Amino acid sequence: MTASTRAAHLAQLNLATLRYPLEDPRIAPFVEMLDPVNTAADAAPGFVWRLVGNGEANAAALRPAGEDVIVNLSVWESQEALWDFTYRSGHLEVMRRRRDWFERHVEAHLVLWWVPAGHLPPVGEALDRLAELRANGPSPRAFTFASSFTAEEAAQHLPPLPAARA
């Protein structure tokens, strides 16, 4: 790796507005899929990290975007790794049934952005990127699968690397 390049990972935030409380029997099939899908994500090629609640196996109890909104925040080695997990695994079954459990969003609910390898984005950073996408449309700082940018295109928007220690 040259001095002008740096390792980057892809962060993603996905919001879902619940149609019913998590305790409601109508959403039970989604709740039952949470652990198996998260376990599959953890083992998927290219998976780096995902947000979970304190002492929890998932982030469903965290509500930083509203009481009826659940968040999924994760980091992947590449866009291809995230795409493969999202659309070529058991996760696809959850996506096919999402209208059973979640409201249709009228504005962007998924955002992707590049982070330096090793950086685990806090929820506030992720929500800021989603707000940026909603306000300005896709850019190297905040984009979607349909309007993606490479890590190289986004490099000028990554936070500075820490200074090397002598």
C-alpha atoms as a PDB file:
ATOM      1  CA  MET A   1       0.000   0.000   0.000  1.00  0.00           C
ATOM      2  CA  THR A   2       1.421   3.408  -0.907  1.00  0.00           C
ATOM      3  CA  ALA A   3       1.304   6.474   1.274  1.00  0.00           C
ATOM      4  CA  SER A   4      -1.490   7.923  -0.866  1.00  0.00           C
ATOM      5  CA  THR A   5      -3.841   4.997  -0.316  1.00  0.00           C
ATOM      6  CA  ARG A   6      -5.432   3.703   2.836  1.00  0.00           C
ATOM      7  CA  ALA A   7      -7.596   0.797   3.781  1.00  0.00           C
ATOM      8  CA  ALA A   8     -11.302   1.578   3.918  1.00  0.00           C
ATOM      9  CA  HIS A   9     -14.393  -0.330   4.932  1.00  0.00           C
ATOM     10  CA  LEU A  10     -18.008   0.280   4.002  1.00  0.00           C
ATOM     11  CA  ALA A  11     -20.402   1.403   6.732  1.00  0.00           C
ATOM     12  CA  GLN A  12     -24.153   1.106   6.320  1.00  0.00           C
ATOM     13  CA  LEU A  13     -27.154   2.373   8.229  1.00  0.00           C
ATOM     14  CA  ASN A  14     -30.653   1.115   7.539  1.00  0.00           C
ATOM     15  CA  LEU A  15     -33.746   2.413   9.338  1.00  0.00           C
ATOM     16  CA  ALA A  16     -37.043   0.557   9.554  1.00  0.00           C
ATOM     17  CA  THR A  17     -40.236   2.057  10.955  1.00  0.00           C
ATOM     18  CA  LEU A  18     -42.189  -0.608  12.807  1.00  0.00           C
ATOM     19  CA  ARG A  19     -45.851  -1.117  11.946  1.00  0.00           C
ATOM     20  CA  TYR A  20     -46.409  -2.739  15.341  1.00  0.00           C
ATOM     21  CA  PRO A  21     -44.491  -2.922  18.634  1.00  0.00           C
ATOM     22  CA  LEU A  22     -41.870  -5.687  18.795  1.00  0.00           C
ATOM     23  CA  GLU A  23     -44.049  -7.498  21.348  1.00  0.00           C
ATOM     24  CA  ASP A  24     -47.021  -7.633  18.949  1.00  0.00           C
ATOM     25  CA  PRO A  25     -47.735 -11.146  17.558  1.00  0.00           C
ATOM     26  CA  ARG A  26     -47.988  -9.714  14.027  1.00  0.00           C
ATOM     27  CA  ILE A  27     -44.279  -8.927  14.088  1.00  0.00           C
ATOM     28  CA  ALA A  28     -43.215 -12.160  15.783  1.00  0.00           C
ATOM     29  CA  PRO A  29     -41.905 -13.720  12.542  1.00  0.00           C
ATOM     30  CA  PHE A  30     -39.478 -10.805  12.151  1.00  0.00           C
ATOM     31  CA  VAL A  31     -38.350 -11.041  15.780  1.00  0.00           C
ATOM     32  CA  GLU A  32     -37.788 -14.796  15.348  1.00  0.00           C
ATOM     33  CA  MET A  33     -35.539 -14.105  12.331  1.00  0.00           C
ATOM     34  CA  LEU A  34     -33.360 -11.534  14.107  1.00  0.00           C
ATOM     35  CA  ASP A  35     -30.909 -13.894  15.792  1.00  0.00           C
ATOM     36  CA  PRO A  36     -30.466 -16.284  12.839  1.00  0.00           C
ATOM     37  CA  VAL A  37     -29.956 -13.419  10.384  1.00  0.00           C
ATOM     38  CA  ASN A  38     -27.533 -11.631  12.704  1.00  0.00           C
ATOM     39  CA  THR A  39     -25.609 -14.863  13.278  1.00  0.00           C
ATOM     40  CA  ALA A  40     -25.381 -15.316   9.510  1.00  0.00           C
ATOM     41  CA  ALA A  41     -24.146 -11.723   9.126  1.00  0.00           C
ATOM     42  CA  ASP A  42     -21.486 -12.262  11.787  1.00  0.00           C
ATOM     43  CA  ALA A  43     -20.194 -15.275   9.832  1.00  0.00           C
ATOM     44  CA  ALA A  44     -20.544 -13.746   6.350  1.00  0.00           C
ATOM     45  CA  PRO A  45     -17.424 -13.161   4.267  1.00  0.00           C
ATOM     46  CA  GLY A  46     -16.373  -9.527   4.587  1.00  0.00           C
ATOM     47  CA  PHE A  47     -18.360  -8.800   7.755  1.00  0.00           C
ATOM     48  CA  VAL A  48     -16.490  -6.517  10.184  1.00  0.00           C
ATOM     49  CA  TRP A  49     -18.900  -5.268  12.890  1.00  0.00           C
ATOM     50  CA  ARG A  50     -22.516  -4.500  13.740  1.00  0.00           C
ATOM     51  CA  LEU A  51     -24.208  -2.382  16.361  1.00  0.00           C
ATOM     52  CA  VAL A  52     -25.803  -4.220  19.289  1.00  0.00           C
ATOM     53  CA  GLY A  53     -27.457  -2.983  22.464  1.00  0.00           C
ATOM     54  CA  ASN A  54     -25.733  -3.343  25.829  1.00  0.00           C
ATOM     55  CA  GLY A  55     -25.920  -7.006  26.755  1.00  0.00           C
ATOM     56  CA  GLU A  56     -28.091  -7.732  23.713  1.00  0.00           C
ATOM     57  CA  ALA A  57     -27.571  -9.860  20.604  1.00  0.00           C
ATOM     58  CA  ASN A  58     -29.036  -7.162  18.339  1.00  0.00           C
ATOM     59  CA  ALA A  59     -29.844  -3.451  18.219  1.00  0.00           C
ATOM     60  CA  ALA A  60     -33.656  -3.747  18.118  1.00  0.00           C
ATOM     61  CA  ALA A  61     -34.087  -2.129  21.544  1.00  0.00           C
ATOM     62  CA  LEU A  62     -31.995   0.914  20.603  1.00  0.00           C
ATOM     63  CA  ARG A  63     -34.187   3.759  19.338  1.00  0.00           C
ATOM     64  CA  PRO A  64     -31.923   6.690  18.398  1.00  0.00           C
ATOM     65  CA  ALA A  65     -34.120   7.608  15.418  1.00  0.00           C
ATOM     66  CA  GLY A  66     -37.512   7.446  17.182  1.00  0.00           C
ATOM     67  CA  GLU A  67     -39.553   5.108  19.346  1.00  0.00           C
ATOM     68  CA  ASP A  68     -40.996   3.201  16.397  1.00  0.00           C
ATOM     69  CA  VAL A  69     -37.756   3.079  14.349  1.00  0.00           C
ATOM     70  CA  ILE A  70     -35.209   0.286  14.589  1.00  0.00           C
ATOM     71  CA  VAL A  71     -31.670   0.734  13.315  1.00  0.00           C
ATOM     72  CA  ASN A  72     -29.229  -1.585  11.636  1.00  0.00           C
ATOM     73  CA  LEU A  73     -25.678  -0.249  11.577  1.00  0.00           C
ATOM     74  CA  SER A  74     -22.786  -2.373  10.342  1.00  0.00           C
ATOM     75  CA  VAL A  75     -19.358  -2.253   8.721  1.00  0.00           C
ATOM     76  CA  TRP A  76     -18.167  -4.457   5.865  1.00  0.00           C
ATOM     77  CA  GLU A  77     -14.849  -4.961   4.094  1.00  0.00           C
ATOM     78  CA  SER A  78     -16.383  -4.045   0.734  1.00  0.00           C
ATOM     79  CA  GLN A  79     -19.567  -3.082  -1.026  1.00  0.00           C
ATOM     80  CA  GLU A  80     -19.596  -6.499  -2.683  1.00  0.00           C
ATOM     81  CA  ALA A  81     -19.535  -8.267   0.687  1.00  0.00           C
ATOM     82  CA  LEU A  82     -22.484  -6.234   1.940  1.00  0.00           C
ATOM     83  CA  TRP A  83     -24.391  -6.751  -1.337  1.00  0.00           C
ATOM     84  CA  ASP A  84     -23.833 -10.514  -1.222  1.00  0.00           C
ATOM     85  CA  PHE A  85     -25.087 -10.777   2.341  1.00  0.00           C
ATOM     86  CA  THR A  86     -28.058  -8.483   1.700  1.00  0.00           C
ATOM     87  CA  TYR A  87     -29.262 -10.045  -1.544  1.00  0.00           C
ATOM     88  CA  ARG A  88     -27.722 -13.531  -1.712  1.00  0.00           C
ATOM     89  CA  SER A  89     -28.348 -14.976   1.738  1.00  0.00           C
ATOM     90  CA  GLY A  90     -31.163 -15.725   4.180  1.00  0.00           C
ATOM     91  CA  HIS A  91     -31.402 -11.980   4.737  1.00  0.00           C
ATOM     92  CA  LEU A  92     -33.300 -11.762   1.467  1.00  0.00           C
ATOM     93  CA  GLU A  93     -36.296 -13.522   3.063  1.00  0.00           C
ATOM     94  CA  VAL A  94     -36.535 -10.726   5.629  1.00  0.00           C
ATOM     95  CA  MET A  95     -36.402  -8.146   2.847  1.00  0.00           C
ATOM     96  CA  ARG A  96     -39.128  -9.899   0.881  1.00  0.00           C
ATOM     97  CA  ARG A  97     -41.438  -9.712   3.904  1.00  0.00           C
ATOM     98  CA  ARG A  98     -40.495  -6.223   5.096  1.00  0.00           C
ATOM     99  CA  ARG A  99     -43.886  -4.710   4.187  1.00  0.00           C
ATOM    100  CA  ASP A 100     -45.509  -7.112   6.670  1.00  0.00           C
ATOM    101  CA  TRP A 101     -43.595  -5.477   9.519  1.00  0.00           C
ATOM    102  CA  PHE A 102     -42.354  -2.052   8.424  1.00  0.00           C
ATOM    103  CA  GLU A 103     -43.872   1.116   7.004  1.00  0.00           C
ATOM    104  CA  ARG A 104     -42.858   2.211   3.524  1.00  0.00           C
ATOM    105  CA  HIS A 105     -40.350   5.052   3.736  1.00  0.00           C
ATOM    106  CA  VAL A 106     -40.941   8.116   1.592  1.00  0.00           C
ATOM    107  CA  GLU A 107     -37.372   9.341   2.000  1.00  0.00           C
ATOM    108  CA  ALA A 108     -34.015   7.591   2.062  1.00  0.00           C
ATOM    109  CA  HIS A 109     -33.732   5.014   4.841  1.00  0.00           C
ATOM    110  CA  LEU A 110     -30.419   3.394   3.795  1.00  0.00           C
ATOM    111  CA  VAL A 111     -27.068   5.123   3.568  1.00  0.00           C
ATOM    112  CA  LEU A 112     -23.609   3.802   2.756  1.00  0.00           C
ATOM    113  CA  TRP A 113     -20.278   5.564   3.334  1.00  0.00           C
ATOM    114  CA  TRP A 114     -16.598   4.666   3.508  1.00  0.00           C
ATOM    115  CA  VAL A 115     -14.746   4.709   6.821  1.00  0.00           C
ATOM    116  CA  PRO A 116     -11.091   4.082   7.613  1.00  0.00           C
ATOM    117  CA  ALA A 117     -10.473   0.404   8.367  1.00  0.00           C
ATOM    118  CA  GLY A 118     -10.783  -0.065  12.107  1.00  0.00           C
ATOM    119  CA  HIS A 119     -13.274   2.791  12.592  1.00  0.00           C
ATOM    120  CA  LEU A 120     -16.603   1.730  14.122  1.00  0.00           C
ATOM    121  CA  PRO A 121     -19.029   4.558  13.434  1.00  0.00           C
ATOM    122  CA  PRO A 122     -21.230   5.754  16.276  1.00  0.00           C
ATOM    123  CA  VAL A 123     -24.958   6.060  15.654  1.00  0.00           C
ATOM    124  CA  GLY A 124     -24.720   9.855  15.551  1.00  0.00           C
ATOM    125  CA  GLU A 125     -22.266   9.699  12.654  1.00  0.00           C
ATOM    126  CA  ALA A 126     -24.545   7.284  10.808  1.00  0.00           C
ATOM    127  CA  LEU A 127     -27.619   9.474  11.314  1.00  0.00           C
ATOM    128  CA  ASP A 128     -25.629  12.495  10.112  1.00  0.00           C
ATOM    129  CA  ARG A 129     -24.707  10.630   6.906  1.00  0.00           C
ATOM    130  CA  LEU A 130     -28.350   9.704   6.333  1.00  0.00           C
ATOM    131  CA  ALA A 131     -29.381  13.328   6.883  1.00  0.00           C
ATOM    132  CA  GLU A 132     -26.707  14.401   4.401  1.00  0.00           C
ATOM    133  CA  LEU A 133     -27.995  11.926   1.805  1.00  0.00           C
ATOM    134  CA  ARG A 134     -31.568  13.116   2.334  1.00  0.00           C
ATOM    135  CA  ALA A 135     -30.609  16.791   2.086  1.00  0.00           C
ATOM    136  CA  ASN A 136     -28.077  16.683  -0.765  1.00  0.00           C
ATOM    137  CA  GLY A 137     -28.549  13.412  -2.623  1.00  0.00           C
ATOM    138  CA  PRO A 138     -25.785  10.884  -3.260  1.00  0.00           C
ATOM    139  CA  SER A 139     -22.169  11.969  -2.910  1.00  0.00           C
ATOM    140  CA  PRO A 140     -18.865  10.284  -2.007  1.00  0.00           C
ATOM    141  CA  ARG A 141     -19.758  11.031   1.655  1.00  0.00           C
ATOM    142  CA  ALA A 142     -23.229   9.426   1.630  1.00  0.00           C
ATOM    143  CA  PHE A 143     -24.645   7.154  -1.054  1.00  0.00           C
ATOM    144  CA  THR A 144     -26.722   4.059  -1.828  1.00  0.00           C
ATOM    145  CA  PHE A 145     -26.231   0.821  -3.743  1.00  0.00           C
ATOM    146  CA  ALA A 146     -27.847   2.471  -6.778  1.00  0.00           C
ATOM    147  CA  SER A 147     -25.598   5.526  -6.626  1.00  0.00           C
ATOM    148  CA  SER A 148     -22.356   4.237  -5.195  1.00  0.00           C
ATOM    149  CA  PHE A 149     -18.863   5.681  -5.006  1.00  0.00           C
ATOM    150  CA  THR A 150     -15.574   3.864  -4.587  1.00  0.00           C
ATOM    151  CA  ALA A 151     -13.383   4.184  -1.537  1.00  0.00           C
ATOM    152  CA  GLU A 152     -10.892   6.074  -3.693  1.00  0.00           C
ATOM    153  CA  GLU A 153     -13.553   8.613  -4.696  1.00  0.00           C
ATOM    154  CA  ALA A 154     -14.490   9.044  -1.041  1.00  0.00           C
ATOM    155  CA  ALA A 155     -10.891   9.175   0.275  1.00  0.00           C
ATOM    156  CA  GLN A 156     -10.819  12.968   0.468  1.00  0.00           C
ATOM    157  CA  HIS A 157     -13.885  12.813   2.741  1.00  0.00           C
ATOM    158  CA  LEU A 158     -12.473  10.280   5.226  1.00  0.00           C
ATOM    159  CA  PRO A 159     -11.278  11.563   8.611  1.00  0.00           C
ATOM    160  CA  PRO A 160      -7.517  12.075   8.866  1.00  0.00           C
ATOM    161  CA  LEU A 161      -5.387   9.119   9.860  1.00  0.00           C
ATOM    162  CA  PRO A 162      -3.832   9.268  13.330  1.00  0.00           C
ATOM    163  CA  ALA A 163      -0.225  10.455  13.365  1.00  0.00           C
ATOM    164  CA  ALA A 164       2.361   7.674  13.260  1.00  0.00           C
ATOM    165  CA  ARG A 165       4.257   7.166  16.508  1.00  0.00           C
ATOM    166  CA  ALA A 166       8.019   7.219  16.417  1.00  0.00           C
END
